[in-house]
Amino acid sequence: MNGAEYLLDTNVLIYIIKGKPSVRFFAMSEVFTLSVISEMELLGKYRIDPAEQRIVMQMLRDSYIIDIDPFIKQKTIEIRQQYNIKLPDAIVAATAIIKGLSLVTADKEFCKIADLDMILIAL
């Protein structure tokens, strides 16, 4: 498994760091694919301690991080117009849709986005 078919939401990345059994399959990936939003959420944690920051930095070094491009931006706008969803989540969803990836998340809010291929993780 190379992780190229999945976009991991921030909550899944946190569960991987914490060693949660429900994400073990995704933790075996050689490379994690994530949105730049997840990178910012992980590193922007309020009062992140140095040990946790080192773990996150190592995970990010081994990840493929997708930045916002004009197509993702336009899809984000469409998602925000159509659904009542927070901007960071809309960007993550748009990234998965535009890049043709399945979003792996524990957040049920994504279920309302009709054209999003997703895997909902139950904890």
PDB file of N, CA and C in Angstrom:
ATOM      1  N   MET A   1       0.846  -1.185   0.000  1.00  0.00           N
ATOM      2  CA  MET A   1       0.000   0.000   0.000  1.00  0.00           C
ATOM      3  C   MET A   1       0.886   1.241   0.000  1.00  0.00           C
ATOM      4  N   ASN A   2       0.603   2.178  -0.883  1.00  0.00           N
ATOM      5  CA  ASN A   2       1.445   3.365  -0.935  1.00  0.00           C
ATOM      6  C   ASN A   2       0.726   4.634  -0.489  1.00  0.00           C
ATOM      7  N   GLY A   3      -0.558   4.550  -0.147  1.00  0.00           N
ATOM      8  CA  GLY A   3      -1.275   5.710   0.354  1.00  0.00           C
ATOM      9  C   GLY A   3      -1.722   6.682  -0.706  1.00  0.00           C
ATOM     10  N   ALA A   4      -1.397   6.422  -1.975  1.00  0.00           N
ATOM     11  CA  ALA A   4      -1.695   7.368  -3.039  1.00  0.00           C
ATOM     12  C   ALA A   4      -3.175   7.468  -3.359  1.00  0.00           C
ATOM     13  N   GLU A   5      -3.971   6.511  -2.933  1.00  0.00           N
ATOM     14  CA  GLU A   5      -5.398   6.552  -3.251  1.00  0.00           C
ATOM     15  C   GLU A   5      -6.234   7.182  -2.137  1.00  0.00           C
ATOM     16  N   TYR A   6      -5.621   7.540  -1.031  1.00  0.00           N
ATOM     17  CA  TYR A   6      -6.333   8.081   0.124  1.00  0.00           C
ATOM     18  C   TYR A   6      -5.803   9.453   0.511  1.00  0.00           C
ATOM     19  N   LEU A   7      -6.728  10.337   0.884  1.00  0.00           N
ATOM     20  CA  LEU A   7      -6.366  11.612   1.494  1.00  0.00           C
ATOM     21  C   LEU A   7      -6.767  11.503   2.958  1.00  0.00           C
ATOM     22  N   LEU A   8      -5.809  11.604   3.851  1.00  0.00           N
ATOM     23  CA  LEU A   8      -6.082  11.439   5.277  1.00  0.00           C
ATOM     24  C   LEU A   8      -6.443  12.778   5.910  1.00  0.00           C
ATOM     25  N   ASP A   9      -7.592  12.796   6.586  1.00  0.00           N
ATOM     26  CA  ASP A   9      -8.027  13.985   7.310  1.00  0.00           C
ATOM     27  C   ASP A   9      -7.149  14.142   8.560  1.00  0.00           C
ATOM     28  N   THR A  10      -7.125  15.328   9.099  1.00  0.00           N
ATOM     29  CA  THR A  10      -6.302  15.620  10.272  1.00  0.00           C
ATOM     30  C   THR A  10      -6.592  14.671  11.422  1.00  0.00           C
ATOM     31  N   ASN A  11      -7.878  14.376  11.662  1.00  0.00           N
ATOM     32  CA  ASN A  11      -8.200  13.506  12.794  1.00  0.00           C
ATOM     33  C   ASN A  11      -7.608  12.108  12.623  1.00  0.00           C
ATOM     34  N   VAL A  12      -7.551  11.604  11.407  1.00  0.00           N
ATOM     35  CA  VAL A  12      -6.955  10.290  11.161  1.00  0.00           C
ATOM     36  C   VAL A  12      -5.453  10.341  11.422  1.00  0.00           C
ATOM     37  N   LEU A  13      -4.812  11.413  11.016  1.00  0.00           N
ATOM     38  CA  LEU A  13      -3.378  11.564  11.278  1.00  0.00           C
ATOM     39  C   LEU A  13      -3.098  11.609  12.780  1.00  0.00           C
ATOM     40  N   ILE A  14      -3.952  12.277  13.529  1.00  0.00           N
ATOM     41  CA  ILE A  14      -3.804  12.319  14.990  1.00  0.00           C
ATOM     42  C   ILE A  14      -3.982  10.924  15.574  1.00  0.00           C
ATOM     43  N   TYR A  15      -4.953  10.171  15.065  1.00  0.00           N
ATOM     44  CA  TYR A  15      -5.175   8.805  15.558  1.00  0.00           C
ATOM     45  C   TYR A  15      -3.995   7.902  15.217  1.00  0.00           C
ATOM     46  N   ILE A  16      -3.360   8.130  14.083  1.00  0.00           N
ATOM     47  CA  ILE A  16      -2.161   7.363  13.723  1.00  0.00           C
ATOM     48  C   ILE A  16      -1.043   7.666  14.724  1.00  0.00           C
ATOM     49  N   ILE A  17      -0.838   8.946  15.021  1.00  0.00           N
ATOM     50  CA  ILE A  17       0.186   9.346  15.995  1.00  0.00           C
ATOM     51  C   ILE A  17      -0.078   8.702  17.347  1.00  0.00           C
ATOM     52  N   LYS A  18      -1.353   8.634  17.747  1.00  0.00           N
ATOM     53  CA  LYS A  18      -1.725   8.056  19.040  1.00  0.00           C
ATOM     54  C   LYS A  18      -1.788   6.532  19.024  1.00  0.00           C
ATOM     55  N   GLY A  19      -1.608   5.915  17.845  1.00  0.00           N
ATOM     56  CA  GLY A  19      -1.591   4.458  17.755  1.00  0.00           C
ATOM     57  C   GLY A  19      -2.962   3.802  17.893  1.00  0.00           C
ATOM     58  N   LYS A  20      -4.015   4.492  17.490  1.00  0.00           N
ATOM     59  CA  LYS A  20      -5.375   3.942  17.587  1.00  0.00           C
ATOM     60  C   LYS A  20      -5.539   2.750  16.637  1.00  0.00           C
ATOM     61  N   PRO A  21      -6.087   1.643  17.120  1.00  0.00           N
ATOM     62  CA  PRO A  21      -6.266   0.447  16.289  1.00  0.00           C
ATOM     63  C   PRO A  21      -7.180   0.662  15.080  1.00  0.00           C
ATOM     64  N   SER A  22      -8.141   1.568  15.178  1.00  0.00           N
ATOM     65  CA  SER A  22      -9.096   1.780  14.087  1.00  0.00           C
ATOM     66  C   SER A  22      -8.457   2.341  12.819  1.00  0.00           C
ATOM     67  N   VAL A  23      -7.225   2.865  12.913  1.00  0.00           N
ATOM     68  CA  VAL A  23      -6.548   3.418  11.733  1.00  0.00           C
ATOM     69  C   VAL A  23      -5.281   2.638  11.375  1.00  0.00           C
ATOM     70  N   ARG A  24      -5.136   1.466  11.965  1.00  0.00           N
ATOM     71  CA  ARG A  24      -3.927   0.660  11.757  1.00  0.00           C
ATOM     72  C   ARG A  24      -3.650   0.429  10.266  1.00  0.00           C
ATOM     73  N   PHE A  25      -4.698   0.112   9.484  1.00  0.00           N
ATOM     74  CA  PHE A  25      -4.533  -0.132   8.048  1.00  0.00           C
ATOM     75  C   PHE A  25      -3.884   1.064   7.360  1.00  0.00           C
ATOM     76  N   PHE A  26      -4.336   2.268   7.671  1.00  0.00           N
ATOM     77  CA  PHE A  26      -3.814   3.476   7.032  1.00  0.00           C
ATOM     78  C   PHE A  26      -2.444   3.854   7.570  1.00  0.00           C
ATOM     79  N   ALA A  27      -2.149   3.468   8.796  1.00  0.00           N
ATOM     80  CA  ALA A  27      -0.844   3.755   9.397  1.00  0.00           C
ATOM     81  C   ALA A  27       0.275   2.969   8.724  1.00  0.00           C
ATOM     82  N   MET A  28      -0.076   1.875   8.031  1.00  0.00           N
ATOM     83  CA  MET A  28       0.933   1.038   7.370  1.00  0.00           C
ATOM     84  C   MET A  28       1.425   1.645   6.060  1.00  0.00           C
ATOM     85  N   SER A  29       0.829   2.729   5.632  1.00  0.00           N
ATOM     86  CA  SER A  29       1.212   3.374   4.384  1.00  0.00           C
ATOM     87  C   SER A  29       2.659   3.868   4.455  1.00  0.00           C
ATOM     88  N   GLU A  30       3.349   3.757   3.335  1.00  0.00           N
ATOM     89  CA  GLU A  30       4.719   4.264   3.261  1.00  0.00           C
ATOM     90  C   GLU A  30       4.733   5.787   3.192  1.00  0.00           C
ATOM     91  N   VAL A  31       3.712   6.346   2.524  1.00  0.00           N
ATOM     92  CA  VAL A  31       3.592   7.790   2.354  1.00  0.00           C
ATOM     93  C   VAL A  31       2.154   8.180   2.644  1.00  0.00           C
ATOM     94  N   PHE A  32       1.973   9.182   3.487  1.00  0.00           N
ATOM     95  CA  PHE A  32       0.641   9.699   3.750  1.00  0.00           C
ATOM     96  C   PHE A  32       0.363  10.835   2.772  1.00  0.00           C
ATOM     97  N   THR A  33      -0.854  10.893   2.265  1.00  0.00           N
ATOM     98  CA  THR A  33      -1.268  11.998   1.409  1.00  0.00           C
ATOM     99  C   THR A  33      -2.235  12.846   2.214  1.00  0.00           C
ATOM    100  N   LEU A  34      -1.964  14.147   2.269  1.00  0.00           N
ATOM    101  CA  LEU A  34      -2.807  15.034   3.055  1.00  0.00           C
ATOM    102  C   LEU A  34      -2.872  16.412   2.437  1.00  0.00           C
ATOM    103  N   SER A  35      -3.866  17.158   2.857  1.00  0.00           N
ATOM    104  CA  SER A  35      -4.033  18.539   2.422  1.00  0.00           C
ATOM    105  C   SER A  35      -3.097  19.442   3.217  1.00  0.00           C
ATOM    106  N   VAL A  36      -2.729  20.540   2.604  1.00  0.00           N
ATOM    107  CA  VAL A  36      -1.935  21.544   3.306  1.00  0.00           C
ATOM    108  C   VAL A  36      -2.671  22.017   4.559  1.00  0.00           C
ATOM    109  N   ILE A  37      -3.998  21.935   4.550  1.00  0.00           N
ATOM    110  CA  ILE A  37      -4.795  22.302   5.726  1.00  0.00           C
ATOM    111  C   ILE A  37      -4.435  21.404   6.911  1.00  0.00           C
ATOM    112  N   SER A  38      -4.304  20.098   6.666  1.00  0.00           N
ATOM    113  CA  SER A  38      -3.939  19.177   7.752  1.00  0.00           C
ATOM    114  C   SER A  38      -2.547  19.487   8.289  1.00  0.00           C
ATOM    115  N   GLU A  39      -1.629  19.828   7.395  1.00  0.00           N
ATOM    116  CA  GLU A  39      -0.293  20.219   7.841  1.00  0.00           C
ATOM    117  C   GLU A  39      -0.379  21.426   8.788  1.00  0.00           C
ATOM    118  N   MET A  40      -1.168  22.420   8.397  1.00  0.00           N
ATOM    119  CA  MET A  40      -1.303  23.618   9.229  1.00  0.00           C
ATOM    120  C   MET A  40      -2.012  23.309  10.542  1.00  0.00           C
ATOM    121  N   GLU A  41      -3.021  22.443  10.495  1.00  0.00           N
ATOM    122  CA  GLU A  41      -3.730  22.093  11.729  1.00  0.00           C
ATOM    123  C   GLU A  41      -2.824  21.332  12.688  1.00  0.00           C
ATOM    124  N   LEU A  42      -2.033  20.410  12.170  1.00  0.00           N
ATOM    125  CA  LEU A  42      -1.140  19.633  13.031  1.00  0.00           C
ATOM    126  C   LEU A  42      -0.052  20.504  13.657  1.00  0.00           C
ATOM    127  N   LEU A  43       0.597  21.321  12.844  1.00  0.00           N
ATOM    128  CA  LEU A  43       1.688  22.154  13.358  1.00  0.00           C
ATOM    129  C   LEU A  43       1.189  23.378  14.118  1.00  0.00           C
ATOM    130  N   GLY A  44      -0.044  23.793  13.834  1.00  0.00           N
ATOM    131  CA  GLY A  44      -0.590  24.981  14.468  1.00  0.00           C
ATOM    132  C   GLY A  44      -1.321  24.702  15.769  1.00  0.00           C
ATOM    133  N   LYS A  45      -1.162  23.486  16.281  1.00  0.00           N
ATOM    134  CA  LYS A  45      -1.822  23.136  17.539  1.00  0.00           C
ATOM    135  C   LYS A  45      -1.361  24.095  18.643  1.00  0.00           C
ATOM    136  N   TYR A  46      -2.311  24.589  19.387  1.00  0.00           N
ATOM    137  CA  TYR A  46      -2.016  25.506  20.489  1.00  0.00           C
ATOM    138  C   TYR A  46      -1.141  24.798  21.521  1.00  0.00           C
ATOM    139  N   ARG A  47      -0.034  25.408  21.854  1.00  0.00           N
ATOM    140  CA  ARG A  47       0.906  24.892  22.858  1.00  0.00           C
ATOM    141  C   ARG A  47       1.414  23.487  22.545  1.00  0.00           C
ATOM    142  N   ILE A  48       1.735  23.248  21.296  1.00  0.00           N
ATOM    143  CA  ILE A  48       2.309  21.951  20.928  1.00  0.00           C
ATOM    144  C   ILE A  48       3.657  21.812  21.629  1.00  0.00           C
ATOM    145  N   ASP A  49       3.877  20.669  22.256  1.00  0.00           N
ATOM    146  CA  ASP A  49       5.144  20.498  22.971  1.00  0.00           C
ATOM    147  C   ASP A  49       6.216  19.997  21.984  1.00  0.00           C
ATOM    148  N   PRO A  50       7.488  20.207  22.307  1.00  0.00           N
ATOM    149  CA  PRO A  50       8.575  19.873  21.382  1.00  0.00           C
ATOM    150  C   PRO A  50       8.585  18.402  20.955  1.00  0.00           C
ATOM    151  N   ALA A  51       8.278  17.488  21.858  1.00  0.00           N
ATOM    152  CA  ALA A  51       8.270  16.064  21.506  1.00  0.00           C
ATOM    153  C   ALA A  51       7.177  15.767  20.481  1.00  0.00           C
ATOM    154  N   GLU A  52       6.011  16.323  20.703  1.00  0.00           N
ATOM    155  CA  GLU A  52       4.904  16.126  19.767  1.00  0.00           C
ATOM    156  C   GLU A  52       5.223  16.774  18.418  1.00  0.00           C
ATOM    157  N   GLN A  53       5.843  17.930  18.447  1.00  0.00           N
ATOM    158  CA  GLN A  53       6.202  18.616  17.216  1.00  0.00           C
ATOM    159  C   GLN A  53       7.205  17.786  16.399  1.00  0.00           C
ATOM    160  N   ARG A  54       8.147  17.125  17.060  1.00  0.00           N
ATOM    161  CA  ARG A  54       9.112  16.275  16.356  1.00  0.00           C
ATOM    162  C   ARG A  54       8.400  15.107  15.673  1.00  0.00           C
ATOM    163  N   ILE A  55       7.432  14.505  16.374  1.00  0.00           N
ATOM    164  CA  ILE A  55       6.672  13.386  15.799  1.00  0.00           C
ATOM    165  C   ILE A  55       5.898  13.857  14.568  1.00  0.00           C
ATOM    166  N   VAL A  56       5.253  15.006  14.685  1.00  0.00           N
ATOM    167  CA  VAL A  56       4.481  15.557  13.566  1.00  0.00           C
ATOM    168  C   VAL A  56       5.410  15.886  12.403  1.00  0.00           C
ATOM    169  N   MET A  57       6.543  16.495  12.678  1.00  0.00           N
ATOM    170  CA  MET A  57       7.492  16.854  11.613  1.00  0.00           C
ATOM    171  C   MET A  57       7.993  15.612  10.885  1.00  0.00           C
ATOM    172  N   GLN A  58       8.257  14.537  11.617  1.00  0.00           N
ATOM    173  CA  GLN A  58       8.687  13.289  10.983  1.00  0.00           C
ATOM    174  C   GLN A  58       7.578  12.744  10.080  1.00  0.00           C
ATOM    175  N   MET A  59       6.343  12.779  10.561  1.00  0.00           N
ATOM    176  CA  MET A  59       5.216  12.309   9.761  1.00  0.00           C
ATOM    177  C   MET A  59       5.089  13.152   8.489  1.00  0.00           C
ATOM    178  N   LEU A  60       5.245  14.451   8.621  1.00  0.00           N
ATOM    179  CA  LEU A  60       5.111  15.336   7.468  1.00  0.00           C
ATOM    180  C   LEU A  60       6.242  15.141   6.466  1.00  0.00           C
ATOM    181  N   ARG A  61       7.443  14.826   6.948  1.00  0.00           N
ATOM    182  CA  ARG A  61       8.568  14.572   6.036  1.00  0.00           C
ATOM    183  C   ARG A  61       8.291  13.365   5.143  1.00  0.00           C
ATOM    184  N   ASP A  62       7.530  12.421   5.672  1.00  0.00           N
ATOM    185  CA  ASP A  62       7.212  11.200   4.938  1.00  0.00           C
ATOM    186  C   ASP A  62       5.843  11.280   4.263  1.00  0.00           C
ATOM    187  N   SER A  63       5.349  12.493   4.038  1.00  0.00           N
ATOM    188  CA  SER A  63       4.011  12.677   3.476  1.00  0.00           C
ATOM    189  C   SER A  63       4.059  13.435   2.164  1.00  0.00           C
ATOM    190  N   TYR A  64       3.011  13.219   1.369  1.00  0.00           N
ATOM    191  CA  TYR A  64       2.793  14.002   0.163  1.00  0.00           C
ATOM    192  C   TYR A  64       1.721  15.022   0.516  1.00  0.00           C
ATOM    193  N   ILE A  65       2.081  16.287   0.531  1.00  0.00           N
ATOM    194  CA  ILE A  65       1.177  17.354   0.950  1.00  0.00           C
ATOM    195  C   ILE A  65       0.675  18.098  -0.286  1.00  0.00           C
ATOM    196  N   ILE A  66      -0.650  18.133  -0.433  1.00  0.00           N
ATOM    197  CA  ILE A  66      -1.266  18.771  -1.589  1.00  0.00           C
ATOM    198  C   ILE A  66      -1.635  20.208  -1.223  1.00  0.00           C
ATOM    199  N   ASP A  67      -1.090  21.135  -1.977  1.00  0.00           N
ATOM    200  CA  ASP A  67      -1.361  22.547  -1.758  1.00  0.00           C
ATOM    201  C   ASP A  67      -2.646  22.948  -2.477  1.00  0.00           C
ATOM    202  N   ILE A  68      -3.131  24.126  -2.193  1.00  0.00           N
ATOM    203  CA  ILE A  68      -4.345  24.637  -2.835  1.00  0.00           C
ATOM    204  C   ILE A  68      -3.970  25.198  -4.202  1.00  0.00           C
ATOM    205  N   ASP A  69      -4.642  24.689  -5.232  1.00  0.00           N
ATOM    206  CA  ASP A  69      -4.440  25.201  -6.583  1.00  0.00           C
ATOM    207  C   ASP A  69      -5.756  25.839  -7.049  1.00  0.00           C
ATOM    208  N   PRO A  70      -5.811  26.437  -8.226  1.00  0.00           N
ATOM    209  CA  PRO A  70      -7.056  27.091  -8.670  1.00  0.00           C
ATOM    210  C   PRO A  70      -8.265  26.149  -8.755  1.00  0.00           C
ATOM    211  N   PHE A  71      -8.041  24.886  -9.091  1.00  0.00           N
ATOM    212  CA  PHE A  71      -9.147  23.928  -9.184  1.00  0.00           C
ATOM    213  C   PHE A  71      -9.705  23.591  -7.795  1.00  0.00           C
ATOM    214  N   ILE A  72      -8.795  23.395  -6.846  1.00  0.00           N
ATOM    215  CA  ILE A  72      -9.217  23.129  -5.464  1.00  0.00           C
ATOM    216  C   ILE A  72      -9.927  24.359  -4.904  1.00  0.00           C
ATOM    217  N   LYS A  73      -9.408  25.529  -5.202  1.00  0.00           N
ATOM    218  CA  LYS A  73     -10.031  26.768  -4.728  1.00  0.00           C
ATOM    219  C   LYS A  73     -11.462  26.885  -5.257  1.00  0.00           C
ATOM    220  N   GLN A  74     -11.668  26.633  -6.543  1.00  0.00           N
ATOM    221  CA  GLN A  74     -13.001  26.742  -7.127  1.00  0.00           C
ATOM    222  C   GLN A  74     -13.955  25.700  -6.539  1.00  0.00           C
ATOM    223  N   LYS A  75     -13.478  24.475  -6.364  1.00  0.00           N
ATOM    224  CA  LYS A  75     -14.318  23.424  -5.788  1.00  0.00           C
ATOM    225  C   LYS A  75     -14.652  23.748  -4.334  1.00  0.00           C
ATOM    226  N   THR A  76     -13.719  24.331  -3.615  1.00  0.00           N
ATOM    227  CA  THR A  76     -13.968  24.752  -2.228  1.00  0.00           C
ATOM    228  C   THR A  76     -15.097  25.768  -2.182  1.00  0.00           C
ATOM    229  N   ILE A  77     -15.064  26.720  -3.081  1.00  0.00           N
ATOM    230  CA  ILE A  77     -16.117  27.738  -3.142  1.00  0.00           C
ATOM    231  C   ILE A  77     -17.468  27.076  -3.400  1.00  0.00           C
ATOM    232  N   GLU A  78     -17.500  26.126  -4.334  1.00  0.00           N
ATOM    233  CA  GLU A  78     -18.750  25.425  -4.642  1.00  0.00           C
ATOM    234  C   GLU A  78     -19.270  24.649  -3.429  1.00  0.00           C
ATOM    235  N   ILE A  79     -18.371  23.974  -2.740  1.00  0.00           N
ATOM    236  CA  ILE A  79     -18.773  23.211  -1.545  1.00  0.00           C
ATOM    237  C   ILE A  79     -19.318  24.149  -0.474  1.00  0.00           C
ATOM    238  N   ARG A  80     -18.637  25.275  -0.254  1.00  0.00           N
ATOM    239  CA  ARG A  80     -19.098  26.244   0.751  1.00  0.00           C
ATOM    240  C   ARG A  80     -20.464  26.811   0.380  1.00  0.00           C
ATOM    241  N   GLN A  81     -20.709  27.026  -0.916  1.00  0.00           N
ATOM    242  CA  GLN A  81     -21.996  27.571  -1.354  1.00  0.00           C
ATOM    243  C   GLN A  81     -23.123  26.551  -1.191  1.00  0.00           C
ATOM    244  N   GLN A  82     -22.812  25.281  -1.398  1.00  0.00           N
ATOM    245  CA  GLN A  82     -23.833  24.239  -1.405  1.00  0.00           C
ATOM    246  C   GLN A  82     -24.092  23.607  -0.035  1.00  0.00           C
ATOM    247  N   TYR A  83     -23.064  23.540   0.816  1.00  0.00           N
ATOM    248  CA  TYR A  83     -23.173  22.838   2.096  1.00  0.00           C
ATOM    249  C   TYR A  83     -22.762  23.769   3.235  1.00  0.00           C
ATOM    250  N   ASN A  84     -23.298  23.527   4.379  1.00  0.00           N
ATOM    251  CA  ASN A  84     -22.925  24.281   5.569  1.00  0.00           C
ATOM    252  C   ASN A  84     -21.741  23.569   6.221  1.00  0.00           C
ATOM    253  N   ILE A  85     -20.555  23.873   5.726  1.00  0.00           N
ATOM    254  CA  ILE A  85     -19.349  23.189   6.194  1.00  0.00           C
ATOM    255  C   ILE A  85     -18.243  24.224   6.404  1.00  0.00           C
ATOM    256  N   LYS A  86     -17.423  24.015   7.422  1.00  0.00           N
ATOM    257  CA  LYS A  86     -16.339  24.943   7.746  1.00  0.00           C
ATOM    258  C   LYS A  86     -15.333  25.013   6.595  1.00  0.00           C
ATOM    259  N   LEU A  87     -14.709  26.167   6.443  1.00  0.00           N
ATOM    260  CA  LEU A  87     -13.759  26.383   5.356  1.00  0.00           C
ATOM    261  C   LEU A  87     -12.634  25.345   5.319  1.00  0.00           C
ATOM    262  N   PRO A  88     -11.958  25.047   6.449  1.00  0.00           N
ATOM    263  CA  PRO A  88     -10.884  24.042   6.366  1.00  0.00           C
ATOM    264  C   PRO A  88     -11.402  22.683   5.869  1.00  0.00           C
ATOM    265  N   ASP A  89     -12.585  22.284   6.336  1.00  0.00           N
ATOM    266  CA  ASP A  89     -13.156  21.008   5.890  1.00  0.00           C
ATOM    267  C   ASP A  89     -13.529  21.065   4.415  1.00  0.00           C
ATOM    268  N   ALA A  90     -14.021  22.205   3.966  1.00  0.00           N
ATOM    269  CA  ALA A  90     -14.360  22.357   2.545  1.00  0.00           C
ATOM    270  C   ALA A  90     -13.107  22.240   1.677  1.00  0.00           C
ATOM    271  N   ILE A  91     -12.005  22.786   2.144  1.00  0.00           N
ATOM    272  CA  ILE A  91     -10.746  22.686   1.393  1.00  0.00           C
ATOM    273  C   ILE A  91     -10.274  21.237   1.339  1.00  0.00           C
ATOM    274  N   VAL A  92     -10.350  20.529   2.451  1.00  0.00           N
ATOM    275  CA  VAL A  92      -9.949  19.123   2.490  1.00  0.00           C
ATOM    276  C   VAL A  92     -10.835  18.306   1.541  1.00  0.00           C
ATOM    277  N   ALA A  93     -12.147  18.520   1.597  1.00  0.00           N
ATOM    278  CA  ALA A  93     -13.070  17.792   0.718  1.00  0.00           C
ATOM    279  C   ALA A  93     -12.793  18.113  -0.742  1.00  0.00           C
ATOM    280  N   ALA A  94     -12.605  19.380  -1.050  1.00  0.00           N
ATOM    281  CA  ALA A  94     -12.321  19.785  -2.430  1.00  0.00           C
ATOM    282  C   ALA A  94     -11.023  19.152  -2.932  1.00  0.00           C
ATOM    283  N   THR A  95     -10.036  19.083  -2.073  1.00  0.00           N
ATOM    284  CA  THR A  95      -8.761  18.462  -2.442  1.00  0.00           C
ATOM    285  C   THR A  95      -8.969  17.006  -2.811  1.00  0.00           C
ATOM    286  N   ALA A  96      -9.726  16.271  -2.005  1.00  0.00           N
ATOM    287  CA  ALA A  96      -9.998  14.857  -2.296  1.00  0.00           C
ATOM    288  C   ALA A  96     -10.750  14.710  -3.610  1.00  0.00           C
ATOM    289  N   ILE A  97     -11.761  15.525  -3.815  1.00  0.00           N
ATOM    290  CA  ILE A  97     -12.571  15.427  -5.039  1.00  0.00           C
ATOM    291  C   ILE A  97     -11.730  15.745  -6.272  1.00  0.00           C
ATOM    292  N   ILE A  98     -11.023  16.854  -6.258  1.00  0.00           N
ATOM    293  CA  ILE A  98     -10.235  17.283  -7.426  1.00  0.00           C
ATOM    294  C   ILE A  98      -9.107  16.298  -7.739  1.00  0.00           C
ATOM    295  N   LYS A  99      -8.498  15.740  -6.723  1.00  0.00           N
ATOM    296  CA  LYS A  99      -7.378  14.820  -6.938  1.00  0.00           C
ATOM    297  C   LYS A  99      -7.831  13.369  -7.120  1.00  0.00           C
ATOM    298  N   GLY A 100      -9.134  13.114  -7.021  1.00  0.00           N
ATOM    299  CA  GLY A 100      -9.659  11.759  -7.220  1.00  0.00           C
ATOM    300  C   GLY A 100      -9.268  10.789  -6.124  1.00  0.00           C
ATOM    301  N   LEU A 101      -9.214  11.279  -4.892  1.00  0.00           N
ATOM    302  CA  LEU A 101      -8.812  10.466  -3.755  1.00  0.00           C
ATOM    303  C   LEU A 101     -10.000  10.195  -2.839  1.00  0.00           C
ATOM    304  N   SER A 102      -9.959   9.099  -2.115  1.00  0.00           N
ATOM    305  CA  SER A 102     -10.950   8.816  -1.084  1.00  0.00           C
ATOM    306  C   SER A 102     -10.509   9.500   0.203  1.00  0.00           C
ATOM    307  N   LEU A 103     -11.394  10.307   0.768  1.00  0.00           N
ATOM    308  CA  LEU A 103     -11.082  10.968   2.028  1.00  0.00           C
ATOM    309  C   LEU A 103     -11.310   9.992   3.172  1.00  0.00           C
ATOM    310  N   VAL A 104     -10.310   9.831   4.010  1.00  0.00           N
ATOM    311  CA  VAL A 104     -10.416   8.985   5.199  1.00  0.00           C
ATOM    312  C   VAL A 104     -10.558   9.926   6.390  1.00  0.00           C
ATOM    313  N   THR A 105     -11.668   9.792   7.116  1.00  0.00           N
ATOM    314  CA  THR A 105     -11.976  10.718   8.200  1.00  0.00           C
ATOM    315  C   THR A 105     -12.846  10.056   9.257  1.00  0.00           C
ATOM    316  N   ALA A 106     -12.879  10.651  10.416  1.00  0.00           N
ATOM    317  CA  ALA A 106     -13.806  10.239  11.472  1.00  0.00           C
ATOM    318  C   ALA A 106     -14.901  11.288  11.644  1.00  0.00           C
ATOM    319  N   ASP A 107     -14.896  12.296  10.799  1.00  0.00           N
ATOM    320  CA  ASP A 107     -15.831  13.414  10.887  1.00  0.00           C
ATOM    321  C   ASP A 107     -17.053  13.163  10.005  1.00  0.00           C
ATOM    322  N   LYS A 108     -18.198  12.950  10.635  1.00  0.00           N
ATOM    323  CA  LYS A 108     -19.450  12.654   9.917  1.00  0.00           C
ATOM    324  C   LYS A 108     -19.967  13.836   9.110  1.00  0.00           C
ATOM    325  N   GLU A 109     -19.485  15.035   9.375  1.00  0.00           N
ATOM    326  CA  GLU A 109     -19.922  16.215   8.625  1.00  0.00           C
ATOM    327  C   GLU A 109     -19.647  16.082   7.125  1.00  0.00           C
ATOM    328  N   PHE A 110     -18.622  15.327   6.773  1.00  0.00           N
ATOM    329  CA  PHE A 110     -18.278  15.160   5.367  1.00  0.00           C
ATOM    330  C   PHE A 110     -19.315  14.332   4.612  1.00  0.00           C
ATOM    331  N   CYS A 111     -20.136  13.569   5.331  1.00  0.00           N
ATOM    332  CA  CYS A 111     -21.136  12.693   4.694  1.00  0.00           C
ATOM    333  C   CYS A 111     -22.142  13.463   3.853  1.00  0.00           C
ATOM    334  N   LYS A 112     -22.344  14.727   4.145  1.00  0.00           N
ATOM    335  CA  LYS A 112     -23.331  15.501   3.402  1.00  0.00           C
ATOM    336  C   LYS A 112     -22.857  15.932   2.017  1.00  0.00           C
ATOM    337  N   ILE A 113     -21.591  15.773   1.708  1.00  0.00           N
ATOM    338  CA  ILE A 113     -21.048  16.197   0.414  1.00  0.00           C
ATOM    339  C   ILE A 113     -21.234  15.056  -0.584  1.00  0.00           C
ATOM    340  N   ALA A 114     -22.165  15.236  -1.493  1.00  0.00           N
ATOM    341  CA  ALA A 114     -22.625  14.160  -2.381  1.00  0.00           C
ATOM    342  C   ALA A 114     -21.521  13.560  -3.257  1.00  0.00           C
ATOM    343  N   ASP A 115     -20.674  14.361  -3.845  1.00  0.00           N
ATOM    344  CA  ASP A 115     -19.682  13.825  -4.787  1.00  0.00           C
ATOM    345  C   ASP A 115     -18.330  13.491  -4.146  1.00  0.00           C
ATOM    346  N   LEU A 116     -18.311  13.386  -2.828  1.00  0.00           N
ATOM    347  CA  LEU A 116     -17.081  13.046  -2.101  1.00  0.00           C
ATOM    348  C   LEU A 116     -17.028  11.551  -1.835  1.00  0.00           C
ATOM    349  N   ASP A 117     -15.977  10.908  -2.317  1.00  0.00           N
ATOM    350  CA  ASP A 117     -15.731   9.498  -2.014  1.00  0.00           C
ATOM    351  C   ASP A 117     -14.995   9.470  -0.673  1.00  0.00           C
ATOM    352  N   MET A 118     -15.592   8.808   0.305  1.00  0.00           N
ATOM    353  CA  MET A 118     -14.971   8.856   1.627  1.00  0.00           C
ATOM    354  C   MET A 118     -15.082   7.515   2.357  1.00  0.00           C
ATOM    355  N   ILE A 119     -14.183   7.353   3.295  1.00  0.00           N
ATOM    356  CA  ILE A 119     -14.189   6.217   4.206  1.00  0.00           C
ATOM    357  C   ILE A 119     -14.325   6.797   5.597  1.00  0.00           C
ATOM    358  N   LEU A 120     -15.439   6.475   6.253  1.00  0.00           N
ATOM    359  CA  LEU A 120     -15.706   6.989   7.591  1.00  0.00           C
ATOM    360  C   LEU A 120     -15.161   5.992   8.612  1.00  0.00           C
ATOM    361  N   ILE A 121     -14.241   6.452   9.425  1.00  0.00           N
ATOM    362  CA  ILE A 121     -13.623   5.632  10.466  1.00  0.00           C
ATOM    363  C   ILE A 121     -14.482   5.702  11.725  1.00  0.00           C
ATOM    364  N   ALA A 122     -14.861   4.548  12.238  1.00  0.00           N
ATOM    365  CA  ALA A 122     -15.584   4.498  13.509  1.00  0.00           C
ATOM    366  C   ALA A 122     -14.585   4.242  14.624  1.00  0.00           C
ATOM    367  N   LEU A 123     -14.706   5.002  15.685  1.00  0.00           N
ATOM    368  CA  LEU A 123     -13.765   4.843  16.804  1.00  0.00           C
ATOM    369  C   LEU A 123     -14.349   3.975  17.878  1.00  0.00           C
TER     370      LEU A 123
END
